[in-house]
Amino acid sequence: MFVMELTYTAPVESVEEVLDAHIAWLDGYYASGVFLASGRKVPREGGIILAAGVSRAEVEKIAAEDPFTVAGVCAYRITEFIATKTSSDLAAVRETLPA
């Protein structure tokens, strides 16, 4: 599983200009089952996306396709972790430690 942390590198007004395209991009990855949760940081300095079911290379490619990235208004920090414990709602993405 991955935590995709994005940090705005431009004023929020510039972010707002590509927000609709970013939301459409998010919707596509929700529809494919890759994105599990997302939202804005508080204070509004960027956002967080939880992603699963893809490799590190794939998640980096996904981040590079984000309209925010393409427009140059954010930078990503991607952290991989093994989700060995989850709520029952996320049981389908629960992972086991390698042997």
PDB file of N, CA and C in Angstrom:
ATOM      1  N   MET A   1       0.857  -1.169   0.000  1.00  0.00           N
ATOM      2  CA  MET A   1       0.000   0.000   0.000  1.00  0.00           C
ATOM      3  C   MET A   1       0.902   1.229   0.000  1.00  0.00           C
ATOM      4  N   PHE A   2       0.354   2.316  -0.484  1.00  0.00           N
ATOM      5  CA  PHE A   2       1.133   3.544  -0.591  1.00  0.00           C
ATOM      6  C   PHE A   2       0.387   4.733  -0.001  1.00  0.00           C
ATOM      7  N   VAL A   3       1.132   5.594   0.668  1.00  0.00           N
ATOM      8  CA  VAL A   3       0.652   6.912   1.050  1.00  0.00           C
ATOM      9  C   VAL A   3       1.277   7.866   0.047  1.00  0.00           C
ATOM     10  N   MET A   4       0.443   8.531  -0.716  1.00  0.00           N
ATOM     11  CA  MET A   4       0.897   9.505  -1.703  1.00  0.00           C
ATOM     12  C   MET A   4       0.626  10.879  -1.105  1.00  0.00           C
ATOM     13  N   GLU A   5       1.677  11.519  -0.620  1.00  0.00           N
ATOM     14  CA  GLU A   5       1.524  12.830   0.003  1.00  0.00           C
ATOM     15  C   GLU A   5       1.929  13.900  -1.000  1.00  0.00           C
ATOM     16  N   LEU A   6       0.995  14.785  -1.306  1.00  0.00           N
ATOM     17  CA  LEU A   6       1.343  15.863  -2.222  1.00  0.00           C
ATOM     18  C   LEU A   6       1.376  17.179  -1.475  1.00  0.00           C
ATOM     19  N   THR A   7       2.348  17.989  -1.852  1.00  0.00           N
ATOM     20  CA  THR A   7       2.548  19.299  -1.261  1.00  0.00           C
ATOM     21  C   THR A   7       2.493  20.334  -2.364  1.00  0.00           C
ATOM     22  N   TYR A   8       1.677  21.357  -2.172  1.00  0.00           N
ATOM     23  CA  TYR A   8       1.573  22.407  -3.177  1.00  0.00           C
ATOM     24  C   TYR A   8       2.890  23.155  -3.296  1.00  0.00           C
ATOM     25  N   THR A   9       3.276  23.412  -4.533  1.00  0.00           N
ATOM     26  CA  THR A   9       4.495  24.172  -4.818  1.00  0.00           C
ATOM     27  C   THR A   9       4.157  25.502  -5.481  1.00  0.00           C
ATOM     28  N   ALA A  10       2.877  25.809  -5.531  1.00  0.00           N
ATOM     29  CA  ALA A  10       2.382  27.042  -6.148  1.00  0.00           C
ATOM     30  C   ALA A  10       1.251  27.577  -5.273  1.00  0.00           C
ATOM     31  N   PRO A  11       0.877  28.829  -5.452  1.00  0.00           N
ATOM     32  CA  PRO A  11      -0.243  29.377  -4.678  1.00  0.00           C
ATOM     33  C   PRO A  11      -1.533  28.583  -4.923  1.00  0.00           C
ATOM     34  N   VAL A  12      -2.392  28.561  -3.909  1.00  0.00           N
ATOM     35  CA  VAL A  12      -3.653  27.819  -3.998  1.00  0.00           C
ATOM     36  C   VAL A  12      -4.474  28.264  -5.215  1.00  0.00           C
ATOM     37  N   GLU A  13      -4.373  29.526  -5.592  1.00  0.00           N
ATOM     38  CA  GLU A  13      -5.110  30.009  -6.767  1.00  0.00           C
ATOM     39  C   GLU A  13      -4.686  29.243  -8.025  1.00  0.00           C
ATOM     40  N   SER A  14      -3.412  28.928  -8.150  1.00  0.00           N
ATOM     41  CA  SER A  14      -2.921  28.141  -9.289  1.00  0.00           C
ATOM     42  C   SER A  14      -3.403  26.699  -9.206  1.00  0.00           C
ATOM     43  N   VAL A  15      -3.462  26.163  -7.994  1.00  0.00           N
ATOM     44  CA  VAL A  15      -3.976  24.810  -7.780  1.00  0.00           C
ATOM     45  C   VAL A  15      -5.440  24.746  -8.208  1.00  0.00           C
ATOM     46  N   GLU A  16      -6.218  25.740  -7.817  1.00  0.00           N
ATOM     47  CA  GLU A  16      -7.650  25.779  -8.157  1.00  0.00           C
ATOM     48  C   GLU A  16      -7.888  25.737  -9.662  1.00  0.00           C
ATOM     49  N   GLU A  17      -6.957  26.289 -10.443  1.00  0.00           N
ATOM     50  CA  GLU A  17      -7.123  26.321 -11.897  1.00  0.00           C
ATOM     51  C   GLU A  17      -7.127  24.933 -12.523  1.00  0.00           C
ATOM     52  N   VAL A  18      -6.498  23.959 -11.880  1.00  0.00           N
ATOM     53  CA  VAL A  18      -6.459  22.588 -12.416  1.00  0.00           C
ATOM     54  C   VAL A  18      -7.205  21.593 -11.521  1.00  0.00           C
ATOM     55  N   LEU A  19      -7.975  22.106 -10.571  1.00  0.00           N
ATOM     56  CA  LEU A  19      -8.677  21.237  -9.621  1.00  0.00           C
ATOM     57  C   LEU A  19      -9.671  20.300 -10.304  1.00  0.00           C
ATOM     58  N   ASP A  20     -10.447  20.797 -11.274  1.00  0.00           N
ATOM     59  CA  ASP A  20     -11.421  19.928 -11.942  1.00  0.00           C
ATOM     60  C   ASP A  20     -10.737  18.764 -12.655  1.00  0.00           C
ATOM     61  N   ALA A  21      -9.617  19.033 -13.318  1.00  0.00           N
ATOM     62  CA  ALA A  21      -8.871  17.972 -13.995  1.00  0.00           C
ATOM     63  C   ALA A  21      -8.293  16.984 -12.978  1.00  0.00           C
ATOM     64  N   HIS A  22      -7.825  17.497 -11.842  1.00  0.00           N
ATOM     65  CA  HIS A  22      -7.296  16.633 -10.778  1.00  0.00           C
ATOM     66  C   HIS A  22      -8.400  15.720 -10.242  1.00  0.00           C
ATOM     67  N   ILE A  23      -9.586  16.262 -10.033  1.00  0.00           N
ATOM     68  CA  ILE A  23     -10.705  15.464  -9.522  1.00  0.00           C
ATOM     69  C   ILE A  23     -11.095  14.381 -10.530  1.00  0.00           C
ATOM     70  N   ALA A  24     -11.096  14.699 -11.815  1.00  0.00           N
ATOM     71  CA  ALA A  24     -11.401  13.695 -12.844  1.00  0.00           C
ATOM     72  C   ALA A  24     -10.343  12.588 -12.836  1.00  0.00           C
ATOM     73  N   TRP A  25      -9.080  12.964 -12.660  1.00  0.00           N
ATOM     74  CA  TRP A  25      -7.982  11.997 -12.555  1.00  0.00           C
ATOM     75  C   TRP A  25      -8.194  11.094 -11.337  1.00  0.00           C
ATOM     76  N   LEU A  26      -8.535  11.690 -10.181  1.00  0.00           N
ATOM     77  CA  LEU A  26      -8.833  10.904  -8.979  1.00  0.00           C
ATOM     78  C   LEU A  26      -9.968   9.917  -9.252  1.00  0.00           C
ATOM     79  N   ASP A  27     -11.045  10.407  -9.850  1.00  0.00           N
ATOM     80  CA  ASP A  27     -12.218   9.567 -10.117  1.00  0.00           C
ATOM     81  C   ASP A  27     -11.853   8.342 -10.951  1.00  0.00           C
ATOM     82  N   GLY A  28     -10.967   8.514 -11.915  1.00  0.00           N
ATOM     83  CA  GLY A  28     -10.541   7.391 -12.750  1.00  0.00           C
ATOM     84  C   GLY A  28      -9.841   6.313 -11.941  1.00  0.00           C
ATOM     85  N   TYR A  29      -8.981   6.715 -11.022  1.00  0.00           N
ATOM     86  CA  TYR A  29      -8.269   5.725 -10.207  1.00  0.00           C
ATOM     87  C   TYR A  29      -9.142   5.148  -9.092  1.00  0.00           C
ATOM     88  N   TYR A  30     -10.151   5.878  -8.641  1.00  0.00           N
ATOM     89  CA  TYR A  30     -11.143   5.276  -7.745  1.00  0.00           C
ATOM     90  C   TYR A  30     -11.926   4.208  -8.496  1.00  0.00           C
ATOM     91  N   ALA A  31     -12.330   4.511  -9.729  1.00  0.00           N
ATOM     92  CA  ALA A  31     -13.112   3.559 -10.531  1.00  0.00           C
ATOM     93  C   ALA A  31     -12.321   2.280 -10.802  1.00  0.00           C
ATOM     94  N   SER A  32     -10.994   2.405 -10.942  1.00  0.00           N
ATOM     95  CA  SER A  32     -10.168   1.223 -11.210  1.00  0.00           C
ATOM     96  C   SER A  32      -9.823   0.446  -9.940  1.00  0.00           C
ATOM     97  N   GLY A  33     -10.159   1.016  -8.770  1.00  0.00           N
ATOM     98  CA  GLY A  33      -9.902   0.349  -7.501  1.00  0.00           C
ATOM     99  C   GLY A  33      -8.534   0.610  -6.905  1.00  0.00           C
ATOM    100  N   VAL A  34      -7.731   1.462  -7.526  1.00  0.00           N
ATOM    101  CA  VAL A  34      -6.382   1.751  -7.017  1.00  0.00           C
ATOM    102  C   VAL A  34      -6.430   2.699  -5.828  1.00  0.00           C
ATOM    103  N   PHE A  35      -7.255   3.736  -5.894  1.00  0.00           N
ATOM    104  CA  PHE A  35      -7.333   4.709  -4.806  1.00  0.00           C
ATOM    105  C   PHE A  35      -8.386   4.271  -3.792  1.00  0.00           C
ATOM    106  N   LEU A  36      -8.013   4.330  -2.516  1.00  0.00           N
ATOM    107  CA  LEU A  36      -8.897   3.918  -1.425  1.00  0.00           C
ATOM    108  C   LEU A  36      -9.465   5.099  -0.657  1.00  0.00           C
ATOM    109  N   ALA A  37      -8.703   6.171  -0.540  1.00  0.00           N
ATOM    110  CA  ALA A  37      -9.124   7.358   0.197  1.00  0.00           C
ATOM    111  C   ALA A  37      -8.232   8.517  -0.242  1.00  0.00           C
ATOM    112  N   SER A  38      -8.777   9.733  -0.134  1.00  0.00           N
ATOM    113  CA  SER A  38      -7.983  10.918  -0.458  1.00  0.00           C
ATOM    114  C   SER A  38      -8.625  12.128   0.196  1.00  0.00           C
ATOM    115  N   GLY A  39      -7.841  13.191   0.288  1.00  0.00           N
ATOM    116  CA  GLY A  39      -8.382  14.430   0.831  1.00  0.00           C
ATOM    117  C   GLY A  39      -7.307  15.475   1.029  1.00  0.00           C
ATOM    118  N   ARG A  40      -7.750  16.663   1.361  1.00  0.00           N
ATOM    119  CA  ARG A  40      -6.851  17.802   1.584  1.00  0.00           C
ATOM    120  C   ARG A  40      -6.196  17.709   2.946  1.00  0.00           C
ATOM    121  N   LYS A  41      -4.971  18.221   3.017  1.00  0.00           N
ATOM    122  CA  LYS A  41      -4.322  18.397   4.312  1.00  0.00           C
ATOM    123  C   LYS A  41      -4.956  19.610   4.992  1.00  0.00           C
ATOM    124  N   VAL A  42      -4.850  19.631   6.312  1.00  0.00           N
ATOM    125  CA  VAL A  42      -5.296  20.779   7.099  1.00  0.00           C
ATOM    126  C   VAL A  42      -4.094  21.251   7.898  1.00  0.00           C
ATOM    127  N   PRO A  43      -3.587  22.444   7.660  1.00  0.00           N
ATOM    128  CA  PRO A  43      -4.086  23.455   6.737  1.00  0.00           C
ATOM    129  C   PRO A  43      -3.882  23.022   5.276  1.00  0.00           C
ATOM    130  N   ARG A  44      -4.512  23.734   4.359  1.00  0.00           N
ATOM    131  CA  ARG A  44      -4.536  23.355   2.949  1.00  0.00           C
ATOM    132  C   ARG A  44      -3.184  23.644   2.284  1.00  0.00           C
ATOM    133  N   GLU A  45      -2.282  22.689   2.453  1.00  0.00           N
ATOM    134  CA  GLU A  45      -0.936  22.778   1.885  1.00  0.00           C
ATOM    135  C   GLU A  45      -0.689  21.675   0.872  1.00  0.00           C
ATOM    136  N   GLY A  46      -1.705  20.851   0.616  1.00  0.00           N
ATOM    137  CA  GLY A  46      -1.564  19.707  -0.271  1.00  0.00           C
ATOM    138  C   GLY A  46      -2.632  18.688   0.050  1.00  0.00           C
ATOM    139  N   GLY A  47      -2.307  17.418  -0.159  1.00  0.00           N
ATOM    140  CA  GLY A  47      -3.285  16.368   0.079  1.00  0.00           C
ATOM    141  C   GLY A  47      -2.628  15.027   0.314  1.00  0.00           C
ATOM    142  N   ILE A  48      -3.466  14.034   0.587  1.00  0.00           N
ATOM    143  CA  ILE A  48      -3.037  12.663   0.844  1.00  0.00           C
ATOM    144  C   ILE A  48      -3.930  11.735   0.019  1.00  0.00           C
ATOM    145  N   ILE A  49      -3.306  10.718  -0.569  1.00  0.00           N
ATOM    146  CA  ILE A  49      -4.041   9.667  -1.279  1.00  0.00           C
ATOM    147  C   ILE A  49      -3.527   8.330  -0.756  1.00  0.00           C
ATOM    148  N   LEU A  50      -4.429   7.405  -0.449  1.00  0.00           N
ATOM    149  CA  LEU A  50      -4.061   6.026  -0.135  1.00  0.00           C
ATOM    150  C   LEU A  50      -4.308   5.199  -1.378  1.00  0.00           C
ATOM    151  N   ALA A  51      -3.293   4.441  -1.809  1.00  0.00           N
ATOM    152  CA  ALA A  51      -3.382   3.637  -3.023  1.00  0.00           C
ATOM    153  C   ALA A  51      -2.926   2.213  -2.727  1.00  0.00           C
ATOM    154  N   ALA A  52      -3.509   1.256  -3.440  1.00  0.00           N
ATOM    155  CA  ALA A  52      -3.150  -0.148  -3.241  1.00  0.00           C
ATOM    156  C   ALA A  52      -3.325  -0.919  -4.542  1.00  0.00           C
ATOM    157  N   GLY A  53      -2.675  -2.090  -4.571  1.00  0.00           N
ATOM    158  CA  GLY A  53      -2.863  -2.988  -5.700  1.00  0.00           C
ATOM    159  C   GLY A  53      -1.986  -2.702  -6.907  1.00  0.00           C
ATOM    160  N   VAL A  54      -0.996  -1.837  -6.735  1.00  0.00           N
ATOM    161  CA  VAL A  54      -0.078  -1.509  -7.822  1.00  0.00           C
ATOM    162  C   VAL A  54       1.353  -1.543  -7.292  1.00  0.00           C
ATOM    163  N   SER A  55       2.298  -1.590  -8.198  1.00  0.00           N
ATOM    164  CA  SER A  55       3.712  -1.591  -7.817  1.00  0.00           C
ATOM    165  C   SER A  55       4.202  -0.166  -7.560  1.00  0.00           C
ATOM    166  N   ARG A  56       5.396  -0.073  -7.016  1.00  0.00           N
ATOM    167  CA  ARG A  56       6.017   1.241  -6.781  1.00  0.00           C
ATOM    168  C   ARG A  56       6.169   1.997  -8.103  1.00  0.00           C
ATOM    169  N   ALA A  57       6.609   1.311  -9.131  1.00  0.00           N
ATOM    170  CA  ALA A  57       6.780   1.959 -10.443  1.00  0.00           C
ATOM    171  C   ALA A  57       5.443   2.472 -10.966  1.00  0.00           C
ATOM    172  N   GLU A  58       4.385   1.681 -10.783  1.00  0.00           N
ATOM    173  CA  GLU A  58       3.059   2.107 -11.251  1.00  0.00           C
ATOM    174  C   GLU A  58       2.550   3.313 -10.480  1.00  0.00           C
ATOM    175  N   VAL A  59       2.737   3.328  -9.158  1.00  0.00           N
ATOM    176  CA  VAL A  59       2.245   4.459  -8.369  1.00  0.00           C
ATOM    177  C   VAL A  59       3.028   5.725  -8.707  1.00  0.00           C
ATOM    178  N   GLU A  60       4.314   5.592  -9.017  1.00  0.00           N
ATOM    179  CA  GLU A  60       5.090   6.758  -9.438  1.00  0.00           C
ATOM    180  C   GLU A  60       4.606   7.281 -10.786  1.00  0.00           C
ATOM    181  N   LYS A  61       4.249   6.376 -11.692  1.00  0.00           N
ATOM    182  CA  LYS A  61       3.690   6.776 -12.995  1.00  0.00           C
ATOM    183  C   LYS A  61       2.346   7.470 -12.802  1.00  0.00           C
ATOM    184  N   ILE A  62       1.526   6.941 -11.904  1.00  0.00           N
ATOM    185  CA  ILE A  62       0.219   7.547 -11.608  1.00  0.00           C
ATOM    186  C   ILE A  62       0.410   8.973 -11.086  1.00  0.00           C
ATOM    187  N   ALA A  63       1.350   9.158 -10.159  1.00  0.00           N
ATOM    188  CA  ALA A  63       1.609  10.500  -9.613  1.00  0.00           C
ATOM    189  C   ALA A  63       2.080  11.448 -10.710  1.00  0.00           C
ATOM    190  N   ALA A  64       2.882  10.948 -11.633  1.00  0.00           N
ATOM    191  CA  ALA A  64       3.392  11.786 -12.722  1.00  0.00           C
ATOM    192  C   ALA A  64       2.282  12.225 -13.669  1.00  0.00           C
ATOM    193  N   GLU A  65       1.199  11.459 -13.737  1.00  0.00           N
ATOM    194  CA  GLU A  65       0.058  11.775 -14.607  1.00  0.00           C
ATOM    195  C   GLU A  65      -0.922  12.755 -13.973  1.00  0.00           C
ATOM    196  N   ASP A  66      -0.815  12.974 -12.672  1.00  0.00           N
ATOM    197  CA  ASP A  66      -1.741  13.882 -11.979  1.00  0.00           C
ATOM    198  C   ASP A  66      -1.684  15.253 -12.651  1.00  0.00           C
ATOM    199  N   PRO A  67      -2.827  15.821 -13.020  1.00  0.00           N
ATOM    200  CA  PRO A  67      -2.825  17.164 -13.602  1.00  0.00           C
ATOM    201  C   PRO A  67      -2.121  18.205 -12.729  1.00  0.00           C
ATOM    202  N   PHE A  68      -2.134  18.017 -11.411  1.00  0.00           N
ATOM    203  CA  PHE A  68      -1.379  18.913 -10.530  1.00  0.00           C
ATOM    204  C   PHE A  68       0.116  18.816 -10.829  1.00  0.00           C
ATOM    205  N   THR A  69       0.625  17.592 -11.024  1.00  0.00           N
ATOM    206  CA  THR A  69       2.038  17.396 -11.351  1.00  0.00           C
ATOM    207  C   THR A  69       2.349  17.997 -12.715  1.00  0.00           C
ATOM    208  N   VAL A  70       1.512  17.684 -13.699  1.00  0.00           N
ATOM    209  CA  VAL A  70       1.714  18.169 -15.063  1.00  0.00           C
ATOM    210  C   VAL A  70       1.749  19.703 -15.095  1.00  0.00           C
ATOM    211  N   ALA A  71       0.884  20.334 -14.299  1.00  0.00           N
ATOM    212  CA  ALA A  71       0.826  21.801 -14.243  1.00  0.00           C
ATOM    213  C   ALA A  71       1.930  22.399 -13.375  1.00  0.00           C
ATOM    214  N   GLY A  72       2.664  21.546 -12.657  1.00  0.00           N
ATOM    215  CA  GLY A  72       3.757  22.035 -11.824  1.00  0.00           C
ATOM    216  C   GLY A  72       3.319  22.721 -10.548  1.00  0.00           C
ATOM    217  N   VAL A  73       2.144  22.321 -10.013  1.00  0.00           N
ATOM    218  CA  VAL A  73       1.650  22.986  -8.795  1.00  0.00           C
ATOM    219  C   VAL A  73       1.807  22.125  -7.541  1.00  0.00           C
ATOM    220  N   CYS A  74       2.381  20.918  -7.683  1.00  0.00           N
ATOM    221  CA  CYS A  74       2.597  20.086  -6.498  1.00  0.00           C
ATOM    222  C   CYS A  74       3.794  19.184  -6.696  1.00  0.00           C
ATOM    223  N   ALA A  75       4.281  18.647  -5.586  1.00  0.00           N
ATOM    224  CA  ALA A  75       5.337  17.634  -5.580  1.00  0.00           C
ATOM    225  C   ALA A  75       4.837  16.470  -4.743  1.00  0.00           C
ATOM    226  N   TYR A  76       5.194  15.259  -5.132  1.00  0.00           N
ATOM    227  CA  TYR A  76       4.766  14.058  -4.422  1.00  0.00           C
ATOM    228  C   TYR A  76       5.884  13.476  -3.572  1.00  0.00           C
ATOM    229  N   ARG A  77       5.479  12.952  -2.426  1.00  0.00           N
ATOM    230  CA  ARG A  77       6.327  12.094  -1.592  1.00  0.00           C
ATOM    231  C   ARG A  77       5.537  10.806  -1.448  1.00  0.00           C
ATOM    232  N   ILE A  78       6.116   9.700  -1.875  1.00  0.00           N
ATOM    233  CA  ILE A  78       5.410   8.423  -1.871  1.00  0.00           C
ATOM    234  C   ILE A  78       6.067   7.506  -0.850  1.00  0.00           C
ATOM    235  N   THR A  79       5.251   6.999   0.081  1.00  0.00           N
ATOM    236  CA  THR A  79       5.722   6.092   1.122  1.00  0.00           C
ATOM    237  C   THR A  79       5.005   4.763   0.974  1.00  0.00           C
ATOM    238  N   GLU A  80       5.774   3.705   0.849  1.00  0.00           N
ATOM    239  CA  GLU A  80       5.194   2.366   0.775  1.00  0.00           C
ATOM    240  C   GLU A  80       5.179   1.752   2.168  1.00  0.00           C
ATOM    241  N   PHE A  81       4.086   1.049   2.477  1.00  0.00           N
ATOM    242  CA  PHE A  81       4.031   0.325   3.749  1.00  0.00           C
ATOM    243  C   PHE A  81       3.214  -0.943   3.562  1.00  0.00           C
ATOM    244  N   ILE A  82       3.376  -1.866   4.482  1.00  0.00           N
ATOM    245  CA  ILE A  82       2.640  -3.133   4.442  1.00  0.00           C
ATOM    246  C   ILE A  82       1.492  -3.016   5.431  1.00  0.00           C
ATOM    247  N   ALA A  83       0.274  -2.986   4.906  1.00  0.00           N
ATOM    248  CA  ALA A  83      -0.928  -2.795   5.726  1.00  0.00           C
ATOM    249  C   ALA A  83      -1.348  -4.131   6.334  1.00  0.00           C
ATOM    250  N   THR A  84      -0.703  -4.509   7.430  1.00  0.00           N
ATOM    251  CA  THR A  84      -0.983  -5.793   8.066  1.00  0.00           C
ATOM    252  C   THR A  84      -2.215  -5.762   8.957  1.00  0.00           C
ATOM    253  N   LYS A  85      -2.670  -4.570   9.310  1.00  0.00           N
ATOM    254  CA  LYS A  85      -3.876  -4.424  10.136  1.00  0.00           C
ATOM    255  C   LYS A  85      -4.717  -3.322   9.518  1.00  0.00           C
ATOM    256  N   THR A  86      -5.999  -3.608   9.334  1.00  0.00           N
ATOM    257  CA  THR A  86      -6.918  -2.643   8.734  1.00  0.00           C
ATOM    258  C   THR A  86      -8.276  -2.752   9.416  1.00  0.00           C
ATOM    259  N   SER A  87      -9.124  -1.781   9.138  1.00  0.00           N
ATOM    260  CA  SER A  87     -10.519  -1.909   9.554  1.00  0.00           C
ATOM    261  C   SER A  87     -11.160  -3.011   8.716  1.00  0.00           C
ATOM    262  N   SER A  88     -12.311  -3.475   9.142  1.00  0.00           N
ATOM    263  CA  SER A  88     -13.001  -4.507   8.368  1.00  0.00           C
ATOM    264  C   SER A  88     -13.382  -3.990   6.982  1.00  0.00           C
ATOM    265  N   ASP A  89     -13.602  -2.682   6.856  1.00  0.00           N
ATOM    266  CA  ASP A  89     -13.938  -2.102   5.558  1.00  0.00           C
ATOM    267  C   ASP A  89     -12.791  -2.214   4.556  1.00  0.00           C
ATOM    268  N   LEU A  90     -11.564  -2.301   5.049  1.00  0.00           N
ATOM    269  CA  LEU A  90     -10.388  -2.392   4.180  1.00  0.00           C
ATOM    270  C   LEU A  90      -9.769  -3.784   4.186  1.00  0.00           C
ATOM    271  N   ALA A  91     -10.497  -4.776   4.645  1.00  0.00           N
ATOM    272  CA  ALA A  91      -9.965  -6.142   4.735  1.00  0.00           C
ATOM    273  C   ALA A  91      -9.463  -6.655   3.391  1.00  0.00           C
ATOM    274  N   ALA A  92     -10.060  -6.243   2.307  1.00  0.00           N
ATOM    275  CA  ALA A  92      -9.661  -6.724   0.987  1.00  0.00           C
ATOM    276  C   ALA A  92      -8.252  -6.283   0.606  1.00  0.00           C
ATOM    277  N   VAL A  93      -7.737  -5.231   1.223  1.00  0.00           N
ATOM    278  CA  VAL A  93      -6.383  -4.759   0.884  1.00  0.00           C
ATOM    279  C   VAL A  93      -5.365  -5.060   1.992  1.00  0.00           C
ATOM    280  N   ARG A  94      -5.794  -5.810   2.989  1.00  0.00           N
ATOM    281  CA  ARG A  94      -4.890  -6.203   4.080  1.00  0.00           C
ATOM    282  C   ARG A  94      -3.764  -7.063   3.504  1.00  0.00           C
ATOM    283  N   GLU A  95      -2.544  -6.856   4.019  1.00  0.00           N
ATOM    284  CA  GLU A  95      -1.376  -7.570   3.497  1.00  0.00           C
ATOM    285  C   GLU A  95      -0.721  -8.393   4.583  1.00  0.00           C
ATOM    286  N   THR A  96       0.109  -9.332   4.169  1.00  0.00           N
ATOM    287  CA  THR A  96       0.880 -10.130   5.120  1.00  0.00           C
ATOM    288  C   THR A  96       2.356  -9.824   4.909  1.00  0.00           C
ATOM    289  N   LEU A  97       3.101  -9.933   5.981  1.00  0.00           N
ATOM    290  CA  LEU A  97       4.548  -9.720   5.918  1.00  0.00           C
ATOM    291  C   LEU A  97       5.186 -10.836   5.101  1.00  0.00           C
ATOM    292  N   PRO A  98       6.215 -10.511   4.321  1.00  0.00           N
ATOM    293  CA  PRO A  98       6.910 -11.570   3.588  1.00  0.00           C
ATOM    294  C   PRO A  98       7.584 -12.530   4.562  1.00  0.00           C
ATOM    295  N   ALA A  99       7.720 -13.765   4.145  1.00  0.00           N
ATOM    296  CA  ALA A  99       8.327 -14.799   5.001  1.00  0.00           C
ATOM    297  C   ALA A  99       9.808 -14.580   5.179  1.00  0.00           C
TER     298      ALA A  99
END
